Amino acid sequence: MSKRTGPTNPLLKSAIESMRMRGSKGVKIWEDVARKLSKSTRSRVEVNVAEINRNSKDGETIVVPGVVLSAGSIEKKVSVAAWRFSGTADKKIADAGGRAITIDELRKENPKGTNVKLMV
């Protein structure tokens, strides 16, 4: 019998449960984010700011269901929501005129998840 893996952080577990409840009300993006955050740490998404810069447009809202890493540079003014930002990733995003926020903050600001791009 294999042991189930997944998050052990109580804050992350609470956020996942909250997103699943929101997903059950017809908001698919929060269900997708919850499913991706439920994976084991090794399987969770990691995105560099350079990748966000390549795959986004000015003014977009990006959700990263995992960690945003600080490798590379970003010149676009985007809002990035993630579970966690490492190193100087949040500073690079802010210096480019964007916002670095938690997924919970975005979910409260935009409960229906409209005009949000999921980056995995």
PDB file of N, CA and C in Angstrom:
ATOM      1  N   MET A   1       0.854  -1.166   0.000  1.00  0.00           N
ATOM      2  CA  MET A   1       0.000   0.000   0.000  1.00  0.00           C
ATOM      3  C   MET A   1       0.902   1.232   0.000  1.00  0.00           C
ATOM      4  N   SER A   2       0.613   2.176  -0.896  1.00  0.00           N
ATOM      5  CA  SER A   2       1.435   3.377  -0.967  1.00  0.00           C
ATOM      6  C   SER A   2       0.845   4.478  -0.088  1.00  0.00           C
ATOM      7  N   LYS A   3       1.736   5.296   0.403  1.00  0.00           N
ATOM      8  CA  LYS A   3       1.335   6.392   1.266  1.00  0.00           C
ATOM      9  C   LYS A   3       0.911   7.577   0.398  1.00  0.00           C
ATOM     10  N   ARG A   4      -0.205   8.193   0.738  1.00  0.00           N
ATOM     11  CA  ARG A   4      -0.687   9.342  -0.022  1.00  0.00           C
ATOM     12  C   ARG A   4       0.228  10.524   0.248  1.00  0.00           C
ATOM     13  N   THR A   5       0.617  11.203  -0.825  1.00  0.00           N
ATOM     14  CA  THR A   5       1.436  12.395  -0.678  1.00  0.00           C
ATOM     15  C   THR A   5       0.570  13.617  -0.950  1.00  0.00           C
ATOM     16  N   GLY A   6       1.047  14.733  -0.548  1.00  0.00           N
ATOM     17  CA  GLY A   6       0.316  15.974  -0.750  1.00  0.00           C
ATOM     18  C   GLY A   6       0.753  16.976   0.296  1.00  0.00           C
ATOM     19  N   PRO A   7       0.108  18.106   0.327  1.00  0.00           N
ATOM     20  CA  PRO A   7       0.527  19.165   1.230  1.00  0.00           C
ATOM     21  C   PRO A   7       0.297  18.823   2.700  1.00  0.00           C
ATOM     22  N   THR A   8       1.229  19.239   3.531  1.00  0.00           N
ATOM     23  CA  THR A   8       1.080  19.077   4.975  1.00  0.00           C
ATOM     24  C   THR A   8       0.916  20.430   5.658  1.00  0.00           C
ATOM     25  N   ASN A   9       1.188  21.509   4.940  1.00  0.00           N
ATOM     26  CA  ASN A   9       1.056  22.857   5.472  1.00  0.00           C
ATOM     27  C   ASN A   9      -0.426  23.143   5.724  1.00  0.00           C
ATOM     28  N   PRO A  10      -0.813  23.452   6.966  1.00  0.00           N
ATOM     29  CA  PRO A  10      -2.228  23.677   7.268  1.00  0.00           C
ATOM     30  C   PRO A  10      -2.823  24.868   6.514  1.00  0.00           C
ATOM     31  N   LEU A  11      -2.026  25.906   6.259  1.00  0.00           N
ATOM     32  CA  LEU A  11      -2.529  27.055   5.503  1.00  0.00           C
ATOM     33  C   LEU A  11      -2.820  26.661   4.051  1.00  0.00           C
ATOM     34  N   LEU A  12      -1.944  25.860   3.483  1.00  0.00           N
ATOM     35  CA  LEU A  12      -2.146  25.399   2.112  1.00  0.00           C
ATOM     36  C   LEU A  12      -3.360  24.475   2.035  1.00  0.00           C
ATOM     37  N   LYS A  13      -3.501  23.581   2.991  1.00  0.00           N
ATOM     38  CA  LYS A  13      -4.662  22.687   3.015  1.00  0.00           C
ATOM     39  C   LYS A  13      -5.960  23.482   3.086  1.00  0.00           C
ATOM     40  N   SER A  14      -5.979  24.514   3.921  1.00  0.00           N
ATOM     41  CA  SER A  14      -7.160  25.366   4.053  1.00  0.00           C
ATOM     42  C   SER A  14      -7.464  26.098   2.753  1.00  0.00           C
ATOM     43  N   ALA A  15      -6.429  26.628   2.106  1.00  0.00           N
ATOM     44  CA  ALA A  15      -6.611  27.337   0.834  1.00  0.00           C
ATOM     45  C   ALA A  15      -7.143  26.389  -0.243  1.00  0.00           C
ATOM     46  N   ILE A  16      -6.629  25.171  -0.280  1.00  0.00           N
ATOM     47  CA  ILE A  16      -7.077  24.185  -1.263  1.00  0.00           C
ATOM     48  C   ILE A  16      -8.547  23.860  -1.049  1.00  0.00           C
ATOM     49  N   GLU A  17      -8.925  23.643   0.199  1.00  0.00           N
ATOM     50  CA  GLU A  17     -10.321  23.319   0.507  1.00  0.00           C
ATOM     51  C   GLU A  17     -11.247  24.470   0.120  1.00  0.00           C
ATOM     52  N   SER A  18     -10.814  25.682   0.394  1.00  0.00           N
ATOM     53  CA  SER A  18     -11.600  26.865   0.046  1.00  0.00           C
ATOM     54  C   SER A  18     -11.772  26.974  -1.474  1.00  0.00           C
ATOM     55  N   MET A  19     -10.713  26.710  -2.219  1.00  0.00           N
ATOM     56  CA  MET A  19     -10.790  26.761  -3.682  1.00  0.00           C
ATOM     57  C   MET A  19     -11.671  25.653  -4.231  1.00  0.00           C
ATOM     58  N   ARG A  20     -11.625  24.495  -3.611  1.00  0.00           N
ATOM     59  CA  ARG A  20     -12.478  23.387  -4.064  1.00  0.00           C
ATOM     60  C   ARG A  20     -13.947  23.727  -3.861  1.00  0.00           C
ATOM     61  N   MET A  21     -14.254  24.375  -2.747  1.00  0.00           N
ATOM     62  CA  MET A  21     -15.637  24.788  -2.503  1.00  0.00           C
ATOM     63  C   MET A  21     -16.060  25.799  -3.566  1.00  0.00           C
ATOM     64  N   ARG A  22     -15.192  26.727  -3.903  1.00  0.00           N
ATOM     65  CA  ARG A  22     -15.466  27.732  -4.938  1.00  0.00           C
ATOM     66  C   ARG A  22     -15.595  27.032  -6.285  1.00  0.00           C
ATOM     67  N   GLY A  23     -14.776  26.011  -6.523  1.00  0.00           N
ATOM     68  CA  GLY A  23     -14.835  25.269  -7.779  1.00  0.00           C
ATOM     69  C   GLY A  23     -16.132  24.506  -7.935  1.00  0.00           C
ATOM     70  N   SER A  24     -16.676  24.030  -6.825  1.00  0.00           N
ATOM     71  CA  SER A  24     -17.927  23.291  -6.898  1.00  0.00           C
ATOM     72  C   SER A  24     -19.100  24.202  -7.223  1.00  0.00           C
ATOM     73  N   LYS A  25     -18.907  25.497  -7.164  1.00  0.00           N
ATOM     74  CA  LYS A  25     -19.962  26.453  -7.498  1.00  0.00           C
ATOM     75  C   LYS A  25     -19.839  26.917  -8.944  1.00  0.00           C
ATOM     76  N   GLY A  26     -19.142  26.156  -9.759  1.00  0.00           N
ATOM     77  CA  GLY A  26     -19.058  26.441 -11.177  1.00  0.00           C
ATOM     78  C   GLY A  26     -17.878  27.290 -11.609  1.00  0.00           C
ATOM     79  N   VAL A  27     -16.907  27.547 -10.723  1.00  0.00           N
ATOM     80  CA  VAL A  27     -15.731  28.332 -11.089  1.00  0.00           C
ATOM     81  C   VAL A  27     -14.576  27.358 -11.279  1.00  0.00           C
ATOM     82  N   LYS A  28     -14.406  26.920 -12.524  1.00  0.00           N
ATOM     83  CA  LYS A  28     -13.469  25.843 -12.843  1.00  0.00           C
ATOM     84  C   LYS A  28     -12.009  26.192 -12.546  1.00  0.00           C
ATOM     85  N   ILE A  29     -11.616  27.452 -12.733  1.00  0.00           N
ATOM     86  CA  ILE A  29     -10.203  27.795 -12.553  1.00  0.00           C
ATOM     87  C   ILE A  29      -9.732  27.511 -11.129  1.00  0.00           C
ATOM     88  N   TRP A  30     -10.573  27.769 -10.131  1.00  0.00           N
ATOM     89  CA  TRP A  30     -10.149  27.535  -8.739  1.00  0.00           C
ATOM     90  C   TRP A  30     -10.047  26.041  -8.453  1.00  0.00           C
ATOM     91  N   GLU A  31     -10.901  25.232  -9.094  1.00  0.00           N
ATOM     92  CA  GLU A  31     -10.789  23.778  -8.947  1.00  0.00           C
ATOM     93  C   GLU A  31      -9.481  23.286  -9.570  1.00  0.00           C
ATOM     94  N   ASP A  32      -9.109  23.838 -10.735  1.00  0.00           N
ATOM     95  CA  ASP A  32      -7.850  23.469 -11.386  1.00  0.00           C
ATOM     96  C   ASP A  32      -6.648  23.846 -10.518  1.00  0.00           C
ATOM     97  N   VAL A  33      -6.679  25.056  -9.953  1.00  0.00           N
ATOM     98  CA  VAL A  33      -5.580  25.511  -9.083  1.00  0.00           C
ATOM     99  C   VAL A  33      -5.485  24.615  -7.852  1.00  0.00           C
ATOM    100  N   ALA A  34      -6.624  24.282  -7.252  1.00  0.00           N
ATOM    101  CA  ALA A  34      -6.633  23.414  -6.069  1.00  0.00           C
ATOM    102  C   ALA A  34      -6.048  22.045  -6.392  1.00  0.00           C
ATOM    103  N   ARG A  35      -6.412  21.500  -7.553  1.00  0.00           N
ATOM    104  CA  ARG A  35      -5.902  20.177  -7.936  1.00  0.00           C
ATOM    105  C   ARG A  35      -4.382  20.206  -8.107  1.00  0.00           C
ATOM    106  N   LYS A  36      -3.867  21.265  -8.722  1.00  0.00           N
ATOM    107  CA  LYS A  36      -2.423  21.363  -8.941  1.00  0.00           C
ATOM    108  C   LYS A  36      -1.669  21.598  -7.631  1.00  0.00           C
ATOM    109  N   LEU A  37      -2.257  22.368  -6.709  1.00  0.00           N
ATOM    110  CA  LEU A  37      -1.605  22.605  -5.417  1.00  0.00           C
ATOM    111  C   LEU A  37      -1.657  21.372  -4.513  1.00  0.00           C
ATOM    112  N   SER A  38      -2.587  20.460  -4.785  1.00  0.00           N
ATOM    113  CA  SER A  38      -2.726  19.248  -3.968  1.00  0.00           C
ATOM    114  C   SER A  38      -1.642  18.217  -4.243  1.00  0.00           C
ATOM    115  N   LYS A  39      -0.901  18.409  -5.311  1.00  0.00           N
ATOM    116  CA  LYS A  39       0.151  17.458  -5.656  1.00  0.00           C
ATOM    117  C   LYS A  39       1.293  17.516  -4.639  1.00  0.00           C
ATOM    118  N   SER A  40       2.127  16.511  -4.684  1.00  0.00           N
ATOM    119  CA  SER A  40       3.288  16.497  -3.799  1.00  0.00           C
ATOM    120  C   SER A  40       4.219  17.655  -4.148  1.00  0.00           C
ATOM    121  N   THR A  41       5.073  18.039  -3.225  1.00  0.00           N
ATOM    122  CA  THR A  41       5.971  19.172  -3.416  1.00  0.00           C
ATOM    123  C   THR A  41       6.823  19.001  -4.670  1.00  0.00           C
ATOM    124  N   ARG A  42       7.306  17.801  -4.919  1.00  0.00           N
ATOM    125  CA  ARG A  42       8.151  17.553  -6.088  1.00  0.00           C
ATOM    126  C   ARG A  42       7.403  17.713  -7.395  1.00  0.00           C
ATOM    127  N   SER A  43       6.092  17.519  -7.365  1.00  0.00           N
ATOM    128  CA  SER A  43       5.284  17.612  -8.584  1.00  0.00           C
ATOM    129  C   SER A  43       4.642  18.986  -8.771  1.00  0.00           C
ATOM    130  N   ARG A  44       4.847  19.878  -7.826  1.00  0.00           N
ATOM    131  CA  ARG A  44       4.217  21.192  -7.890  1.00  0.00           C
ATOM    132  C   ARG A  44       4.890  22.086  -8.925  1.00  0.00           C
ATOM    133  N   VAL A  45       4.155  23.037  -9.427  1.00  0.00           N
ATOM    134  CA  VAL A  45       4.599  23.928 -10.497  1.00  0.00           C
ATOM    135  C   VAL A  45       5.647  24.922  -9.995  1.00  0.00           C
ATOM    136  N   GLU A  46       6.683  25.127 -10.805  1.00  0.00           N
ATOM    137  CA  GLU A  46       7.698  26.157 -10.566  1.00  0.00           C
ATOM    138  C   GLU A  46       7.859  26.931 -11.860  1.00  0.00           C
ATOM    139  N   VAL A  47       7.693  28.257 -11.794  1.00  0.00           N
ATOM    140  CA  VAL A  47       7.770  29.104 -12.980  1.00  0.00           C
ATOM    141  C   VAL A  47       8.736  30.247 -12.711  1.00  0.00           C
ATOM    142  N   ASN A  48       9.641  30.495 -13.644  1.00  0.00           N
ATOM    143  CA  ASN A  48      10.570  31.625 -13.529  1.00  0.00           C
ATOM    144  C   ASN A  48       9.908  32.903 -14.038  1.00  0.00           C
ATOM    145  N   VAL A  49      10.367  34.053 -13.529  1.00  0.00           N
ATOM    146  CA  VAL A  49       9.809  35.323 -13.996  1.00  0.00           C
ATOM    147  C   VAL A  49      10.061  35.516 -15.498  1.00  0.00           C
ATOM    148  N   ALA A  50      11.152  34.976 -16.020  1.00  0.00           N
ATOM    149  CA  ALA A  50      11.433  35.066 -17.453  1.00  0.00           C
ATOM    150  C   ALA A  50      10.344  34.357 -18.259  1.00  0.00           C
ATOM    151  N   GLU A  51       9.853  33.233 -17.767  1.00  0.00           N
ATOM    152  CA  GLU A  51       8.789  32.495 -18.447  1.00  0.00           C
ATOM    153  C   GLU A  51       7.478  33.292 -18.410  1.00  0.00           C
ATOM    154  N   ILE A  52       7.215  33.955 -17.289  1.00  0.00           N
ATOM    155  CA  ILE A  52       6.031  34.816 -17.197  1.00  0.00           C
ATOM    156  C   ILE A  52       6.146  35.940 -18.211  1.00  0.00           C
ATOM    157  N   ASN A  53       7.338  36.523 -18.325  1.00  0.00           N
ATOM    158  CA  ASN A  53       7.570  37.607 -19.273  1.00  0.00           C
ATOM    159  C   ASN A  53       7.328  37.152 -20.713  1.00  0.00           C
ATOM    160  N   ARG A  54       7.786  35.956 -21.066  1.00  0.00           N
ATOM    161  CA  ARG A  54       7.626  35.426 -22.429  1.00  0.00           C
ATOM    162  C   ARG A  54       6.176  35.104 -22.770  1.00  0.00           C
ATOM    163  N   ASN A  55       5.416  34.623 -21.788  1.00  0.00           N
ATOM    164  CA  ASN A  55       4.083  34.083 -22.057  1.00  0.00           C
ATOM    165  C   ASN A  55       2.936  34.955 -21.567  1.00  0.00           C
ATOM    166  N   SER A  56       3.175  36.240 -21.379  1.00  0.00           N
ATOM    167  CA  SER A  56       2.103  37.114 -20.905  1.00  0.00           C
ATOM    168  C   SER A  56       2.117  38.429 -21.665  1.00  0.00           C
ATOM    169  N   LYS A  57       1.040  39.177 -21.493  1.00  0.00           N
ATOM    170  CA  LYS A  57       0.908  40.506 -22.085  1.00  0.00           C
ATOM    171  C   LYS A  57       0.745  41.512 -20.961  1.00  0.00           C
ATOM    172  N   ASP A  58       1.068  42.767 -21.240  1.00  0.00           N
ATOM    173  CA  ASP A  58       0.869  43.826 -20.252  1.00  0.00           C
ATOM    174  C   ASP A  58      -0.574  43.831 -19.768  1.00  0.00           C
ATOM    175  N   GLY A  59      -0.731  43.979 -18.457  1.00  0.00           N
ATOM    176  CA  GLY A  59      -2.064  44.082 -17.870  1.00  0.00           C
ATOM    177  C   GLY A  59      -2.727  42.759 -17.543  1.00  0.00           C
ATOM    178  N   GLU A  60      -2.136  41.639 -17.912  1.00  0.00           N
ATOM    179  CA  GLU A  60      -2.751  40.338 -17.632  1.00  0.00           C
ATOM    180  C   GLU A  60      -2.610  39.966 -16.159  1.00  0.00           C
ATOM    181  N   THR A  61      -3.493  39.063 -15.742  1.00  0.00           N
ATOM    182  CA  THR A  61      -3.406  38.472 -14.417  1.00  0.00           C
ATOM    183  C   THR A  61      -3.036  37.004 -14.597  1.00  0.00           C
ATOM    184  N   ILE A  62      -1.940  36.608 -13.976  1.00  0.00           N
ATOM    185  CA  ILE A  62      -1.402  35.256 -14.102  1.00  0.00           C
ATOM    186  C   ILE A  62      -1.529  34.540 -12.762  1.00  0.00           C
ATOM    187  N   VAL A  63      -1.935  33.265 -12.794  1.00  0.00           N
ATOM    188  CA  VAL A  63      -1.960  32.436 -11.591  1.00  0.00           C
ATOM    189  C   VAL A  63      -0.959  31.318 -11.768  1.00  0.00           C
ATOM    190  N   VAL A  64      -0.066  31.174 -10.798  1.00  0.00           N
ATOM    191  CA  VAL A  64       0.915  30.091 -10.784  1.00  0.00           C
ATOM    192  C   VAL A  64       0.581  29.213  -9.574  1.00  0.00           C
ATOM    193  N   PRO A  65       0.043  28.007  -9.800  1.00  0.00           N
ATOM    194  CA  PRO A  65      -0.298  27.139  -8.677  1.00  0.00           C
ATOM    195  C   PRO A  65       0.945  26.445  -8.121  1.00  0.00           C
ATOM    196  N   GLY A  66       1.819  27.240  -7.568  1.00  0.00           N
ATOM    197  CA  GLY A  66       3.076  26.743  -7.030  1.00  0.00           C
ATOM    198  C   GLY A  66       3.978  27.909  -6.688  1.00  0.00           C
ATOM    199  N   VAL A  67       5.234  27.822  -7.131  1.00  0.00           N
ATOM    200  CA  VAL A  67       6.259  28.791  -6.752  1.00  0.00           C
ATOM    201  C   VAL A  67       6.711  29.597  -7.965  1.00  0.00           C
ATOM    202  N   VAL A  68       6.874  30.910  -7.769  1.00  0.00           N
ATOM    203  CA  VAL A  68       7.468  31.759  -8.794  1.00  0.00           C
ATOM    204  C   VAL A  68       8.934  31.961  -8.409  1.00  0.00           C
ATOM    205  N   LEU A  69       9.839  31.584  -9.314  1.00  0.00           N
ATOM    206  CA  LEU A  69      11.268  31.695  -9.073  1.00  0.00           C
ATOM    207  C   LEU A  69      11.807  32.966  -9.725  1.00  0.00           C
ATOM    208  N   SER A  70      12.937  33.453  -9.253  1.00  0.00           N
ATOM    209  CA  SER A  70      13.437  34.762  -9.680  1.00  0.00           C
ATOM    210  C   SER A  70      14.407  34.728 -10.864  1.00  0.00           C
ATOM    211  N   ALA A  71      14.594  33.600 -11.509  1.00  0.00           N
ATOM    212  CA  ALA A  71      15.537  33.521 -12.639  1.00  0.00           C
ATOM    213  C   ALA A  71      15.016  34.314 -13.832  1.00  0.00           C
ATOM    214  N   GLY A  72      15.883  35.112 -14.401  1.00  0.00           N
ATOM    215  CA  GLY A  72      15.522  35.893 -15.566  1.00  0.00           C
ATOM    216  C   GLY A  72      15.034  37.281 -15.197  1.00  0.00           C
ATOM    217  N   SER A  73      14.443  37.939 -16.182  1.00  0.00           N
ATOM    218  CA  SER A  73      13.942  39.294 -15.941  1.00  0.00           C
ATOM    219  C   SER A  73      12.520  39.407 -16.474  1.00  0.00           C
ATOM    220  N   ILE A  74      11.851  40.444 -16.034  1.00  0.00           N
ATOM    221  CA  ILE A  74      10.479  40.696 -16.477  1.00  0.00           C
ATOM    222  C   ILE A  74      10.343  42.183 -16.757  1.00  0.00           C
ATOM    223  N   GLU A  75       9.765  42.499 -17.896  1.00  0.00           N
ATOM    224  CA  GLU A  75       9.555  43.891 -18.269  1.00  0.00           C
ATOM    225  C   GLU A  75       8.082  44.235 -18.374  1.00  0.00           C
ATOM    226  N   LYS A  76       7.204  43.260 -18.287  1.00  0.00           N
ATOM    227  CA  LYS A  76       5.776  43.494 -18.468  1.00  0.00           C
ATOM    228  C   LYS A  76       5.090  43.780 -17.136  1.00  0.00           C
ATOM    229  N   LYS A  77       4.090  44.654 -17.203  1.00  0.00           N
ATOM    230  CA  LYS A  77       3.322  45.032 -16.022  1.00  0.00           C
ATOM    231  C   LYS A  77       2.171  44.037 -15.871  1.00  0.00           C
ATOM    232  N   VAL A  78       2.396  42.996 -15.076  1.00  0.00           N
ATOM    233  CA  VAL A  78       1.398  41.950 -14.879  1.00  0.00           C
ATOM    234  C   VAL A  78       1.147  41.746 -13.392  1.00  0.00           C
ATOM    235  N   SER A  79      -0.033  41.220 -13.083  1.00  0.00           N
ATOM    236  CA  SER A  79      -0.334  40.798 -11.718  1.00  0.00           C
ATOM    237  C   SER A  79      -0.088  39.305 -11.673  1.00  0.00           C
ATOM    238  N   VAL A  80       0.702  38.867 -10.708  1.00  0.00           N
ATOM    239  CA  VAL A  80       1.023  37.449 -10.588  1.00  0.00           C
ATOM    240  C   VAL A  80       0.565  36.972  -9.215  1.00  0.00           C
ATOM    241  N   ALA A  81      -0.278  35.945  -9.221  1.00  0.00           N
ATOM    242  CA  ALA A  81      -0.733  35.324  -7.984  1.00  0.00           C
ATOM    243  C   ALA A  81      -0.103  33.938  -7.906  1.00  0.00           C
ATOM    244  N   ALA A  82       0.485  33.622  -6.768  1.00  0.00           N
ATOM    245  CA  ALA A  82       1.128  32.315  -6.588  1.00  0.00           C
ATOM    246  C   ALA A  82       1.025  31.897  -5.134  1.00  0.00           C
ATOM    247  N   TRP A  83       1.288  30.622  -4.900  1.00  0.00           N
ATOM    248  CA  TRP A  83       1.314  30.139  -3.521  1.00  0.00           C
ATOM    249  C   TRP A  83       2.507  30.757  -2.794  1.00  0.00           C
ATOM    250  N   ARG A  84       3.647  30.856  -3.508  1.00  0.00           N
ATOM    251  CA  ARG A  84       4.856  31.376  -2.877  1.00  0.00           C
ATOM    252  C   ARG A  84       5.756  32.006  -3.932  1.00  0.00           C
ATOM    253  N   PHE A  85       6.495  33.019  -3.529  1.00  0.00           N
ATOM    254  CA  PHE A  85       7.491  33.663  -4.386  1.00  0.00           C
ATOM    255  C   PHE A  85       8.854  33.444  -3.738  1.00  0.00           C
ATOM    256  N   SER A  86       9.837  33.024  -4.520  1.00  0.00           N
ATOM    257  CA  SER A  86      11.153  32.781  -3.939  1.00  0.00           C
ATOM    258  C   SER A  86      12.119  33.895  -4.295  1.00  0.00           C
ATOM    259  N   GLY A  87      13.147  34.006  -3.480  1.00  0.00           N
ATOM    260  CA  GLY A  87      14.209  34.960  -3.753  1.00  0.00           C
ATOM    261  C   GLY A  87      13.694  36.362  -3.981  1.00  0.00           C
ATOM    262  N   THR A  88      14.058  36.932  -5.086  1.00  0.00           N
ATOM    263  CA  THR A  88      13.667  38.304  -5.391  1.00  0.00           C
ATOM    264  C   THR A  88      12.587  38.368  -6.469  1.00  0.00           C
ATOM    265  N   ALA A  89      11.854  37.289  -6.664  1.00  0.00           N
ATOM    266  CA  ALA A  89      10.834  37.250  -7.712  1.00  0.00           C
ATOM    267  C   ALA A  89       9.779  38.336  -7.504  1.00  0.00           C
ATOM    268  N   ASP A  90       9.282  38.481  -6.288  1.00  0.00           N
ATOM    269  CA  ASP A  90       8.249  39.494  -6.047  1.00  0.00           C
ATOM    270  C   ASP A  90       8.788  40.910  -6.265  1.00  0.00           C
ATOM    271  N   LYS A  91      10.057  41.135  -5.932  1.00  0.00           N
ATOM    272  CA  LYS A  91      10.674  42.447  -6.139  1.00  0.00           C
ATOM    273  C   LYS A  91      10.817  42.738  -7.638  1.00  0.00           C
ATOM    274  N   LYS A  92      11.213  41.736  -8.433  1.00  0.00           N
ATOM    275  CA  LYS A  92      11.351  41.926  -9.873  1.00  0.00           C
ATOM    276  C   LYS A  92      10.002  42.268 -10.513  1.00  0.00           C
ATOM    277  N   ILE A  93       8.952  41.595 -10.066  1.00  0.00           N
ATOM    278  CA  ILE A  93       7.614  41.851 -10.599  1.00  0.00           C
ATOM    279  C   ILE A  93       7.175  43.271 -10.236  1.00  0.00           C
ATOM    280  N   ALA A  94       7.404  43.670  -8.988  1.00  0.00           N
ATOM    281  CA  ALA A  94       7.033  45.024  -8.537  1.00  0.00           C
ATOM    282  C   ALA A  94       7.850  46.088  -9.274  1.00  0.00           C
ATOM    283  N   ASP A  95       9.141  45.847  -9.480  1.00  0.00           N
ATOM    284  CA  ASP A  95      10.001  46.803 -10.184  1.00  0.00           C
ATOM    285  C   ASP A  95       9.555  47.008 -11.634  1.00  0.00           C
ATOM    286  N   ALA A  96       8.908  45.995 -12.222  1.00  0.00           N
ATOM    287  CA  ALA A  96       8.407  46.107 -13.595  1.00  0.00           C
ATOM    288  C   ALA A  96       7.040  46.793 -13.632  1.00  0.00           C
ATOM    289  N   GLY A  97       6.509  47.151 -12.454  1.00  0.00           N
ATOM    290  CA  GLY A  97       5.214  47.819 -12.390  1.00  0.00           C
ATOM    291  C   GLY A  97       4.050  46.878 -12.158  1.00  0.00           C
ATOM    292  N   GLY A  98       4.339  45.617 -11.880  1.00  0.00           N
ATOM    293  CA  GLY A  98       3.290  44.624 -11.655  1.00  0.00           C
ATOM    294  C   GLY A  98       3.007  44.421 -10.174  1.00  0.00           C
ATOM    295  N   ARG A  99       2.205  43.394  -9.901  1.00  0.00           N
ATOM    296  CA  ARG A  99       1.869  43.049  -8.507  1.00  0.00           C
ATOM    297  C   ARG A  99       2.146  41.578  -8.279  1.00  0.00           C
ATOM    298  N   ALA A 100       2.683  41.268  -7.109  1.00  0.00           N
ATOM    299  CA  ALA A 100       2.889  39.887  -6.696  1.00  0.00           C
ATOM    300  C   ALA A 100       1.998  39.657  -5.479  1.00  0.00           C
ATOM    301  N   ILE A 101       0.977  38.800  -5.634  1.00  0.00           N
ATOM    302  CA  ILE A 101       0.013  38.559  -4.555  1.00  0.00           C
ATOM    303  C   ILE A 101      -0.174  37.058  -4.361  1.00  0.00           C
ATOM    304  N   THR A 102      -0.809  36.696  -3.271  1.00  0.00           N
ATOM    305  CA  THR A 102      -1.097  35.283  -3.032  1.00  0.00           C
ATOM    306  C   THR A 102      -2.335  34.879  -3.824  1.00  0.00           C
ATOM    307  N   ILE A 103      -2.489  33.589  -4.016  1.00  0.00           N
ATOM    308  CA  ILE A 103      -3.664  33.076  -4.720  1.00  0.00           C
ATOM    309  C   ILE A 103      -4.918  33.403  -3.935  1.00  0.00           C
ATOM    310  N   ASP A 104      -4.852  33.332  -2.605  1.00  0.00           N
ATOM    311  CA  ASP A 104      -6.005  33.678  -1.773  1.00  0.00           C
ATOM    312  C   ASP A 104      -6.437  35.125  -1.976  1.00  0.00           C
ATOM    313  N   GLU A 105      -5.472  36.040  -2.066  1.00  0.00           N
ATOM    314  CA  GLU A 105      -5.802  37.446  -2.303  1.00  0.00           C
ATOM    315  C   GLU A 105      -6.513  37.615  -3.645  1.00  0.00           C
ATOM    316  N   LEU A 106      -6.015  36.945  -4.674  1.00  0.00           N
ATOM    317  CA  LEU A 106      -6.647  37.041  -5.988  1.00  0.00           C
ATOM    318  C   LEU A 106      -8.046  36.447  -5.950  1.00  0.00           C
ATOM    319  N   ARG A 107      -8.191  35.324  -5.263  1.00  0.00           N
ATOM    320  CA  ARG A 107      -9.496  34.667  -5.187  1.00  0.00           C
ATOM    321  C   ARG A 107     -10.520  35.567  -4.505  1.00  0.00           C
ATOM    322  N   LYS A 108     -10.072  36.337  -3.501  1.00  0.00           N
ATOM    323  CA  LYS A 108     -10.980  37.266  -2.821  1.00  0.00           C
ATOM    324  C   LYS A 108     -11.299  38.476  -3.710  1.00  0.00           C
ATOM    325  N   GLU A 109     -10.315  38.944  -4.475  1.00  0.00           N
ATOM    326  CA  GLU A 109     -10.523  40.077  -5.389  1.00  0.00           C
ATOM    327  C   GLU A 109     -11.366  39.689  -6.600  1.00  0.00           C
ATOM    328  N   ASN A 110     -11.187  38.466  -7.083  1.00  0.00           N
ATOM    329  CA  ASN A 110     -11.823  38.016  -8.315  1.00  0.00           C
ATOM    330  C   ASN A 110     -12.409  36.617  -8.093  1.00  0.00           C
ATOM    331  N   PRO A 111     -13.508  36.513  -7.331  1.00  0.00           N
ATOM    332  CA  PRO A 111     -14.041  35.192  -6.988  1.00  0.00           C
ATOM    333  C   PRO A 111     -14.462  34.330  -8.182  1.00  0.00           C
ATOM    334  N   LYS A 112     -14.849  34.953  -9.277  1.00  0.00           N
ATOM    335  CA  LYS A 112     -15.271  34.186 -10.452  1.00  0.00           C
ATOM    336  C   LYS A 112     -14.094  33.792 -11.344  1.00  0.00           C
ATOM    337  N   GLY A 113     -12.910  34.343 -11.070  1.00  0.00           N
ATOM    338  CA  GLY A 113     -11.716  33.988 -11.834  1.00  0.00           C
ATOM    339  C   GLY A 113     -11.753  34.470 -13.269  1.00  0.00           C
ATOM    340  N   THR A 114     -12.420  35.584 -13.527  1.00  0.00           N
ATOM    341  CA  THR A 114     -12.520  36.082 -14.894  1.00  0.00           C
ATOM    342  C   THR A 114     -11.220  36.755 -15.322  1.00  0.00           C
ATOM    343  N   ASN A 115     -10.882  36.569 -16.588  1.00  0.00           N
ATOM    344  CA  ASN A 115      -9.677  37.158 -17.200  1.00  0.00           C
ATOM    345  C   ASN A 115      -8.400  36.789 -16.454  1.00  0.00           C
ATOM    346  N   VAL A 116      -8.320  35.553 -16.006  1.00  0.00           N
ATOM    347  CA  VAL A 116      -7.132  35.051 -15.302  1.00  0.00           C
ATOM    348  C   VAL A 116      -6.510  33.959 -16.153  1.00  0.00           C
ATOM    349  N   LYS A 117      -5.200  34.037 -16.311  1.00  0.00           N
ATOM    350  CA  LYS A 117      -4.463  33.052 -17.113  1.00  0.00           C
ATOM    351  C   LYS A 117      -3.714  32.117 -16.168  1.00  0.00           C
ATOM    352  N   LEU A 118      -3.941  30.814 -16.318  1.00  0.00           N
ATOM    353  CA  LEU A 118      -3.273  29.805 -15.494  1.00  0.00           C
ATOM    354  C   LEU A 118      -1.962  29.417 -16.172  1.00  0.00           C
ATOM    355  N   MET A 119      -0.858  29.546 -15.450  1.00  0.00           N
ATOM    356  CA  MET A 119       0.449  29.209 -16.013  1.00  0.00           C
ATOM    357  C   MET A 119       1.025  28.008 -15.273  1.00  0.00           C
ATOM    358  N   VAL A 120       1.260  26.946 -16.013  1.00  0.00           N
ATOM    359  CA  VAL A 120       1.790  25.720 -15.399  1.00  0.00           C
ATOM    360  C   VAL A 120       3.040  25.241 -16.108  1.00  0.00           C
TER     361      VAL A 120
END
